[in-house]
Amino acid sequence: MPRSSLSSSPAEPDAQHSPVHNSDMRLAEDVQQRLLAVAHRRTLVRGESLFHKGSSPDALFGVVSGSLRVSVVAPGGREAVIAMLEPGHWFGEVSLLVGRERVYDTCAVDTTEMAVVAAADFHRLVAEHPDVHMAFTRLVCLRLRQALAWIDDVILMPLPVRLAHRLLTLDARAVAPAEEGGGGTLLGVSQEDLSFMLGVSRQSVNRQLKLWEEDGTLRVRYRSIELLDRAQLERHAATPP
């Protein structure tokens, strides 16, 4: 079944390393309801783009079900995946607030339903409702804090620790268990996605995942990772090799 959580903001676990909890990145229920009241729905098929880098900021978006890949492409064609957006996450507010073009690409990882709030409606809500204004001010600050934490990871942490951190972040966003017979939590991210996120080769990611598969931390599946032992992964994140 497609995952959907825009209508609620359940408490979520979080990776110990992060100064920003993923539950912090969710908007309060009353703010979400104001947005949903003026939003229309749009469905994307797998691989379909929502918007490209350089496009005009014409709307705010929320993920209702499915997931989106957020990425940038270097002049040489290399793609870097910035984030995977899961149900319950709103995005696009920065370009709307500063009135500048988009700075990244987004595309659907699977069939994805979006809530789309037109720019005019977003600006009206921000102007008329202080709680909406404060919610997005806080969200922008949290995104900045998270970005700085990721920069620290890239500069200071070895690959196994960075990879464990990223998987824990993805686990905190997951809202559905693996399919019957799995027993773990299915993270909808491929080895290629992880290599782009971390700026390393797919082979390096694969080698580390295989080691963690051997110790029972996770299972590598087709275009996904099944997390079997979160506590073990937290130990990997906390202890440099």
C-alpha atoms as a PDB file:
ATOM      1  CA  MET A   1       0.000   0.000   0.000  1.00  0.00           C
ATOM      2  CA  PRO A   2       1.246   3.536  -0.633  1.00  0.00           C
ATOM      3  CA  ARG A   3       2.362   5.332   2.473  1.00  0.00           C
ATOM      4  CA  SER A   4       0.469   8.438   3.540  1.00  0.00           C
ATOM      5  CA  SER A   5       0.940  10.671   6.578  1.00  0.00           C
ATOM      6  CA  LEU A   6       0.210  14.267   5.635  1.00  0.00           C
ATOM      7  CA  SER A   7      -2.927  14.278   7.719  1.00  0.00           C
ATOM      8  CA  SER A   8      -1.093  13.427  10.916  1.00  0.00           C
ATOM      9  CA  SER A   9       2.256  13.970  12.589  1.00  0.00           C
ATOM     10  CA  PRO A  10       3.099  10.871  14.638  1.00  0.00           C
ATOM     11  CA  ALA A  11       6.096  10.796  16.918  1.00  0.00           C
ATOM     12  CA  GLU A  12       9.137   9.322  15.219  1.00  0.00           C
ATOM     13  CA  PRO A  13      12.425   7.797  16.344  1.00  0.00           C
ATOM     14  CA  ASP A  14      15.601   9.604  15.408  1.00  0.00           C
ATOM     15  CA  ALA A  15      19.246   8.977  14.745  1.00  0.00           C
ATOM     16  CA  GLN A  16      21.336   9.898  17.771  1.00  0.00           C
ATOM     17  CA  HIS A  17      23.824  11.940  15.767  1.00  0.00           C
ATOM     18  CA  SER A  18      21.428  14.447  14.312  1.00  0.00           C
ATOM     19  CA  PRO A  19      20.784  17.813  16.012  1.00  0.00           C
ATOM     20  CA  VAL A  20      17.437  17.877  14.215  1.00  0.00           C
ATOM     21  CA  HIS A  21      14.779  15.233  14.849  1.00  0.00           C
ATOM     22  CA  ASN A  22      12.778  14.221  11.792  1.00  0.00           C
ATOM     23  CA  SER A  23       9.602  14.760  13.806  1.00  0.00           C
ATOM     24  CA  ASP A  24      10.757  18.389  14.156  1.00  0.00           C
ATOM     25  CA  MET A  25      10.611  18.721  10.369  1.00  0.00           C
ATOM     26  CA  ARG A  26       6.876  17.980  10.312  1.00  0.00           C
ATOM     27  CA  LEU A  27       4.447  20.881  10.442  1.00  0.00           C
ATOM     28  CA  ALA A  28       1.943  21.124  13.262  1.00  0.00           C
ATOM     29  CA  GLU A  29      -1.442  19.576  12.500  1.00  0.00           C
ATOM     30  CA  ASP A  30      -3.327  22.896  12.492  1.00  0.00           C
ATOM     31  CA  VAL A  31      -0.819  24.415  10.041  1.00  0.00           C
ATOM     32  CA  GLN A  32      -1.073  21.359   7.791  1.00  0.00           C
ATOM     33  CA  GLN A  33      -4.846  21.633   7.766  1.00  0.00           C
ATOM     34  CA  ARG A  34      -4.677  25.282   6.650  1.00  0.00           C
ATOM     35  CA  LEU A  35      -2.423  24.230   3.783  1.00  0.00           C
ATOM     36  CA  LEU A  36      -4.502  21.213   2.785  1.00  0.00           C
ATOM     37  CA  ALA A  37      -7.644  23.363   2.745  1.00  0.00           C
ATOM     38  CA  VAL A  38      -6.267  25.379  -0.201  1.00  0.00           C
ATOM     39  CA  ALA A  39      -4.190  22.637  -1.871  1.00  0.00           C
ATOM     40  CA  HIS A  40      -4.993  20.570  -4.917  1.00  0.00           C
ATOM     41  CA  ARG A  41      -3.690  17.038  -5.521  1.00  0.00           C
ATOM     42  CA  ARG A  42      -1.272  15.890  -8.204  1.00  0.00           C
ATOM     43  CA  THR A  43      -0.078  12.345  -8.882  1.00  0.00           C
ATOM     44  CA  LEU A  44       3.361  11.568 -10.301  1.00  0.00           C
ATOM     45  CA  VAL A  45       4.347   8.254 -11.844  1.00  0.00           C
ATOM     46  CA  ARG A  46       7.709   6.662 -11.104  1.00  0.00           C
ATOM     47  CA  GLY A  47      10.527   8.731 -12.612  1.00  0.00           C
ATOM     48  CA  GLU A  48       8.329  11.751 -13.362  1.00  0.00           C
ATOM     49  CA  SER A  49       9.781  15.150 -12.473  1.00  0.00           C
ATOM     50  CA  LEU A  50       7.951  17.551 -10.203  1.00  0.00           C
ATOM     51  CA  PHE A  51      10.242  20.464 -11.049  1.00  0.00           C
ATOM     52  CA  HIS A  52      13.783  21.087 -12.303  1.00  0.00           C
ATOM     53  CA  LYS A  53      16.597  23.293 -11.095  1.00  0.00           C
ATOM     54  CA  GLY A  54      16.064  26.816 -12.440  1.00  0.00           C
ATOM     55  CA  SER A  55      12.266  26.595 -12.616  1.00  0.00           C
ATOM     56  CA  SER A  56      10.161  29.399 -11.178  1.00  0.00           C
ATOM     57  CA  PRO A  57       8.791  29.023  -7.620  1.00  0.00           C
ATOM     58  CA  ASP A  58       5.087  28.667  -8.306  1.00  0.00           C
ATOM     59  CA  ALA A  59       3.938  26.442  -5.420  1.00  0.00           C
ATOM     60  CA  LEU A  60       4.592  24.760  -2.089  1.00  0.00           C
ATOM     61  CA  PHE A  61       4.480  20.953  -2.047  1.00  0.00           C
ATOM     62  CA  GLY A  62       3.665  18.246   0.476  1.00  0.00           C
ATOM     63  CA  VAL A  63       4.186  14.503   0.019  1.00  0.00           C
ATOM     64  CA  VAL A  64       0.911  12.640   0.665  1.00  0.00           C
ATOM     65  CA  SER A  65       2.079   9.164  -0.391  1.00  0.00           C
ATOM     66  CA  GLY A  66       5.062   7.655  -2.170  1.00  0.00           C
ATOM     67  CA  SER A  67       8.457   9.384  -2.116  1.00  0.00           C
ATOM     68  CA  LEU A  68      10.546  11.927  -4.020  1.00  0.00           C
ATOM     69  CA  ARG A  69      14.247  12.111  -4.803  1.00  0.00           C
ATOM     70  CA  VAL A  70      15.846  15.565  -4.403  1.00  0.00           C
ATOM     71  CA  SER A  71      19.089  15.973  -6.352  1.00  0.00           C
ATOM     72  CA  VAL A  72      21.471  18.290  -8.169  1.00  0.00           C
ATOM     73  CA  VAL A  73      23.512  17.524 -11.283  1.00  0.00           C
ATOM     74  CA  ALA A  74      27.068  18.780 -11.745  1.00  0.00           C
ATOM     75  CA  PRO A  75      28.200  20.225 -15.108  1.00  0.00           C
ATOM     76  CA  GLY A  76      29.923  16.916 -15.871  1.00  0.00           C
ATOM     77  CA  GLY A  77      26.650  15.026 -15.422  1.00  0.00           C
ATOM     78  CA  ARG A  78      27.301  13.522 -11.979  1.00  0.00           C
ATOM     79  CA  GLU A  79      24.172  13.495  -9.826  1.00  0.00           C
ATOM     80  CA  ALA A  80      24.227  14.128  -6.072  1.00  0.00           C
ATOM     81  CA  VAL A  81      21.131  13.050  -4.152  1.00  0.00           C
ATOM     82  CA  ILE A  82      20.406  15.579  -1.406  1.00  0.00           C
ATOM     83  CA  ALA A  83      17.439  13.900   0.232  1.00  0.00           C
ATOM     84  CA  MET A  84      14.585  11.453  -0.103  1.00  0.00           C
ATOM     85  CA  LEU A  85      11.262  13.084   0.822  1.00  0.00           C
ATOM     86  CA  GLU A  86       8.723  10.787   2.461  1.00  0.00           C
ATOM     87  CA  PRO A  87       5.016  11.270   3.288  1.00  0.00           C
ATOM     88  CA  GLY A  88       4.348  14.140   5.678  1.00  0.00           C
ATOM     89  CA  HIS A  89       7.146  16.416   4.462  1.00  0.00           C
ATOM     90  CA  TRP A  90       6.516  19.861   2.966  1.00  0.00           C
ATOM     91  CA  PHE A  91       9.114  21.582   0.800  1.00  0.00           C
ATOM     92  CA  GLY A  92       9.688  24.409  -1.676  1.00  0.00           C
ATOM     93  CA  GLU A  93       9.142  27.194   0.837  1.00  0.00           C
ATOM     94  CA  VAL A  94      12.628  28.720   0.539  1.00  0.00           C
ATOM     95  CA  SER A  95      12.290  29.575  -3.161  1.00  0.00           C
ATOM     96  CA  LEU A  96       8.834  31.005  -2.482  1.00  0.00           C
ATOM     97  CA  LEU A  97      10.022  33.152   0.421  1.00  0.00           C
ATOM     98  CA  VAL A  98      13.045  34.604  -1.413  1.00  0.00           C
ATOM     99  CA  GLY A  99      11.371  34.770  -4.831  1.00  0.00           C
ATOM    100  CA  ARG A 100      14.208  32.931  -6.596  1.00  0.00           C
ATOM    101  CA  GLU A 101      14.336  29.954  -8.954  1.00  0.00           C
ATOM    102  CA  ARG A 102      14.558  26.381  -7.690  1.00  0.00           C
ATOM    103  CA  VAL A 103      18.074  25.159  -6.906  1.00  0.00           C
ATOM    104  CA  TYR A 104      17.525  21.393  -7.205  1.00  0.00           C
ATOM    105  CA  ASP A 105      15.658  18.734  -9.185  1.00  0.00           C
ATOM    106  CA  THR A 106      12.897  16.492  -7.852  1.00  0.00           C
ATOM    107  CA  CYS A 107      11.452  13.291  -9.272  1.00  0.00           C
ATOM    108  CA  ALA A 108       9.165  10.532  -8.049  1.00  0.00           C
ATOM    109  CA  VAL A 109      10.834   7.352  -6.781  1.00  0.00           C
ATOM    110  CA  ASP A 110       7.529   5.515  -7.136  1.00  0.00           C
ATOM    111  CA  THR A 111       3.903   6.523  -7.698  1.00  0.00           C
ATOM    112  CA  THR A 112       3.597   9.639  -5.563  1.00  0.00           C
ATOM    113  CA  GLU A 113       0.657  11.833  -4.592  1.00  0.00           C
ATOM    114  CA  MET A 114       1.392  15.474  -3.883  1.00  0.00           C
ATOM    115  CA  ALA A 115      -0.499  18.276  -2.164  1.00  0.00           C
ATOM    116  CA  VAL A 116       0.167  21.469  -4.148  1.00  0.00           C
ATOM    117  CA  VAL A 117      -0.383  24.922  -2.643  1.00  0.00           C
ATOM    118  CA  ALA A 118      -0.241  27.749  -5.200  1.00  0.00           C
ATOM    119  CA  ALA A 119       2.288  30.511  -4.480  1.00  0.00           C
ATOM    120  CA  ALA A 120      -0.440  33.133  -4.025  1.00  0.00           C
ATOM    121  CA  ASP A 121      -2.236  30.989  -1.438  1.00  0.00           C
ATOM    122  CA  PHE A 122       1.018  30.275   0.406  1.00  0.00           C
ATOM    123  CA  HIS A 123       1.930  33.967   0.625  1.00  0.00           C
ATOM    124  CA  ARG A 124      -1.601  34.843   1.784  1.00  0.00           C
ATOM    125  CA  LEU A 125      -1.481  32.225   4.549  1.00  0.00           C
ATOM    126  CA  VAL A 126       1.940  33.425   5.710  1.00  0.00           C
ATOM    127  CA  ALA A 127       0.744  37.031   5.760  1.00  0.00           C
ATOM    128  CA  GLU A 128      -2.587  36.392   7.485  1.00  0.00           C
ATOM    129  CA  HIS A 129      -1.678  33.661   9.993  1.00  0.00           C
ATOM    130  CA  PRO A 130       1.280  34.179  12.372  1.00  0.00           C
ATOM    131  CA  ASP A 131       1.329  30.461  13.235  1.00  0.00           C
ATOM    132  CA  VAL A 132       1.904  29.568   9.577  1.00  0.00           C
ATOM    133  CA  HIS A 133       4.615  32.231   9.305  1.00  0.00           C
ATOM    134  CA  MET A 134       6.402  30.936  12.403  1.00  0.00           C
ATOM    135  CA  ALA A 135       6.051  27.312  11.301  1.00  0.00           C
ATOM    136  CA  PHE A 136       7.907  27.968   8.062  1.00  0.00           C
ATOM    137  CA  THR A 137      10.488  30.236   9.704  1.00  0.00           C
ATOM    138  CA  ARG A 138      11.273  27.380  12.078  1.00  0.00           C
ATOM    139  CA  LEU A 139      11.317  24.843   9.238  1.00  0.00           C
ATOM    140  CA  VAL A 140      13.848  26.898   7.261  1.00  0.00           C
ATOM    141  CA  CYS A 141      16.088  27.212  10.345  1.00  0.00           C
ATOM    142  CA  LEU A 142      15.913  23.469  10.960  1.00  0.00           C
ATOM    143  CA  ARG A 143      16.856  22.736   7.346  1.00  0.00           C
ATOM    144  CA  LEU A 144      19.908  24.997   7.735  1.00  0.00           C
ATOM    145  CA  ARG A 145      20.928  23.268  10.951  1.00  0.00           C
ATOM    146  CA  GLN A 146      20.533  19.855   9.339  1.00  0.00           C
ATOM    147  CA  ALA A 147      22.589  20.929   6.317  1.00  0.00           C
ATOM    148  CA  LEU A 148      25.419  22.115   8.577  1.00  0.00           C
ATOM    149  CA  ALA A 149      25.343  18.789  10.433  1.00  0.00           C
ATOM    150  CA  TRP A 150      25.632  16.908   7.132  1.00  0.00           C
ATOM    151  CA  ILE A 151      28.603  19.086   6.130  1.00  0.00           C
ATOM    152  CA  ASP A 152      30.300  18.156   9.411  1.00  0.00           C
ATOM    153  CA  ASP A 153      29.653  14.488   8.630  1.00  0.00           C
ATOM    154  CA  VAL A 154      31.275  14.763   5.206  1.00  0.00           C
ATOM    155  CA  ILE A 155      34.340  16.563   6.549  1.00  0.00           C
ATOM    156  CA  LEU A 156      34.920  14.683   9.799  1.00  0.00           C
ATOM    157  CA  MET A 157      33.345  11.216   9.691  1.00  0.00           C
ATOM    158  CA  PRO A 158      34.596   8.016   7.981  1.00  0.00           C
ATOM    159  CA  LEU A 159      32.315   6.370   5.436  1.00  0.00           C
ATOM    160  CA  PRO A 160      30.835   3.627   7.687  1.00  0.00           C
ATOM    161  CA  VAL A 161      29.736   6.210  10.257  1.00  0.00           C
ATOM    162  CA  ARG A 162      28.299   8.531   7.585  1.00  0.00           C
ATOM    163  CA  LEU A 163      26.462   5.639   5.937  1.00  0.00           C
ATOM    164  CA  ALA A 164      25.015   4.495   9.268  1.00  0.00           C
ATOM    165  CA  HIS A 165      23.877   8.044  10.029  1.00  0.00           C
ATOM    166  CA  ARG A 166      22.129   8.340   6.682  1.00  0.00           C
ATOM    167  CA  LEU A 167      20.341   5.004   7.076  1.00  0.00           C
ATOM    168  CA  LEU A 168      19.195   5.983  10.565  1.00  0.00           C
ATOM    169  CA  THR A 169      17.797   9.242   9.182  1.00  0.00           C
ATOM    170  CA  LEU A 170      15.921   7.309   6.492  1.00  0.00           C
ATOM    171  CA  ASP A 171      14.630   4.878   9.129  1.00  0.00           C
ATOM    172  CA  ALA A 172      13.263   7.784  11.177  1.00  0.00           C
ATOM    173  CA  ARG A 173      11.224   8.827   8.138  1.00  0.00           C
ATOM    174  CA  ALA A 174       9.936   5.355   7.303  1.00  0.00           C
ATOM    175  CA  VAL A 175       6.240   4.844   8.054  1.00  0.00           C
ATOM    176  CA  ALA A 176       5.771   1.253   6.862  1.00  0.00           C
ATOM    177  CA  PRO A 177       7.411  -2.085   7.764  1.00  0.00           C
ATOM    178  CA  ALA A 178       8.899  -4.405   5.195  1.00  0.00           C
ATOM    179  CA  GLU A 179       6.439  -6.634   3.381  1.00  0.00           C
ATOM    180  CA  GLU A 180       5.301  -9.888   4.934  1.00  0.00           C
ATOM    181  CA  GLY A 181       8.148 -12.230   5.743  1.00  0.00           C
ATOM    182  CA  GLY A 182      10.740  -9.480   6.035  1.00  0.00           C
ATOM    183  CA  GLY A 183      10.636  -8.648   9.735  1.00  0.00           C
ATOM    184  CA  GLY A 184      12.426  -5.304   9.403  1.00  0.00           C
ATOM    185  CA  THR A 185      11.789  -1.789   8.206  1.00  0.00           C
ATOM    186  CA  LEU A 186      12.079  -1.254   4.457  1.00  0.00           C
ATOM    187  CA  LEU A 187      14.055   1.850   3.504  1.00  0.00           C
ATOM    188  CA  GLY A 188      13.190   2.914  -0.032  1.00  0.00           C
ATOM    189  CA  VAL A 189      16.704   3.840  -1.071  1.00  0.00           C
ATOM    190  CA  SER A 190      19.026   2.062  -3.484  1.00  0.00           C
ATOM    191  CA  GLN A 191      22.780   1.611  -3.239  1.00  0.00           C
ATOM    192  CA  GLU A 192      23.143   4.085  -6.102  1.00  0.00           C
ATOM    193  CA  ASP A 193      21.091   6.653  -4.167  1.00  0.00           C
ATOM    194  CA  LEU A 194      23.262   6.173  -1.084  1.00  0.00           C
ATOM    195  CA  SER A 195      26.463   6.548  -3.100  1.00  0.00           C
ATOM    196  CA  PHE A 196      25.194   9.819  -4.597  1.00  0.00           C
ATOM    197  CA  MET A 197      24.086  11.099  -1.183  1.00  0.00           C
ATOM    198  CA  LEU A 198      27.497  10.420   0.339  1.00  0.00           C
ATOM    199  CA  GLY A 199      29.642  11.342  -2.646  1.00  0.00           C
ATOM    200  CA  VAL A 200      31.362   7.942  -2.856  1.00  0.00           C
ATOM    201  CA  SER A 201      31.346   5.014  -5.268  1.00  0.00           C
ATOM    202  CA  ARG A 202      28.562   2.441  -5.316  1.00  0.00           C
ATOM    203  CA  GLN A 203      31.209  -0.234  -4.745  1.00  0.00           C
ATOM    204  CA  SER A 204      32.262   1.402  -1.468  1.00  0.00           C
ATOM    205  CA  VAL A 205      28.659   1.497  -0.273  1.00  0.00           C
ATOM    206  CA  ASN A 206      28.094  -2.110  -1.352  1.00  0.00           C
ATOM    207  CA  ARG A 207      31.163  -3.358   0.532  1.00  0.00           C
ATOM    208  CA  GLN A 208      30.003  -1.748   3.769  1.00  0.00           C
ATOM    209  CA  LEU A 209      26.414  -2.921   3.387  1.00  0.00           C
ATOM    210  CA  LYS A 210      27.630  -6.487   2.830  1.00  0.00           C
ATOM    211  CA  LEU A 211      29.590  -6.335   6.093  1.00  0.00           C
ATOM    212  CA  TRP A 212      26.481  -5.183   7.936  1.00  0.00           C
ATOM    213  CA  GLU A 213      24.457  -7.863   6.198  1.00  0.00           C
ATOM    214  CA  GLU A 214      26.864 -10.453   7.602  1.00  0.00           C
ATOM    215  CA  ASP A 215      26.449  -9.199  11.181  1.00  0.00           C
ATOM    216  CA  GLY A 216      22.640  -9.117  10.914  1.00  0.00           C
ATOM    217  CA  THR A 217      22.182  -5.349  10.919  1.00  0.00           C
ATOM    218  CA  LEU A 218      20.338  -5.213   7.601  1.00  0.00           C
ATOM    219  CA  ARG A 219      19.488  -7.019   4.390  1.00  0.00           C
ATOM    220  CA  VAL A 220      20.242  -5.641   0.917  1.00  0.00           C
ATOM    221  CA  ARG A 221      17.214  -5.908  -1.354  1.00  0.00           C
ATOM    222  CA  TYR A 222      16.323  -4.731  -4.844  1.00  0.00           C
ATOM    223  CA  ARG A 223      16.474  -0.912  -4.830  1.00  0.00           C
ATOM    224  CA  SER A 224      15.969  -0.877  -1.054  1.00  0.00           C
ATOM    225  CA  ILE A 225      17.543  -1.736   2.286  1.00  0.00           C
ATOM    226  CA  GLU A 226      15.738  -3.747   4.951  1.00  0.00           C
ATOM    227  CA  LEU A 227      16.827  -2.602   8.406  1.00  0.00           C
ATOM    228  CA  LEU A 228      16.756  -5.574  10.775  1.00  0.00           C
ATOM    229  CA  ASP A 229      18.504  -4.269  13.900  1.00  0.00           C
ATOM    230  CA  ARG A 230      18.302  -0.508  14.529  1.00  0.00           C
ATOM    231  CA  ALA A 231      20.244  -0.742  17.821  1.00  0.00           C
ATOM    232  CA  GLN A 232      23.123  -2.423  16.000  1.00  0.00           C
ATOM    233  CA  LEU A 233      23.095   0.289  13.322  1.00  0.00           C
ATOM    234  CA  GLU A 234      23.181   2.951  16.034  1.00  0.00           C
ATOM    235  CA  ARG A 235      26.306   1.291  17.408  1.00  0.00           C
ATOM    236  CA  HIS A 236      27.886   1.422  13.957  1.00  0.00           C
ATOM    237  CA  ALA A 237      27.002   5.127  13.755  1.00  0.00           C
ATOM    238  CA  ALA A 238      28.580   5.855  17.132  1.00  0.00           C
ATOM    239  CA  THR A 239      31.794   3.852  16.792  1.00  0.00           C
ATOM    240  CA  PRO A 240      34.380   4.685  14.103  1.00  0.00           C
ATOM    241  CA  PRO A 241      35.941   1.527  12.588  1.00  0.00           C
END
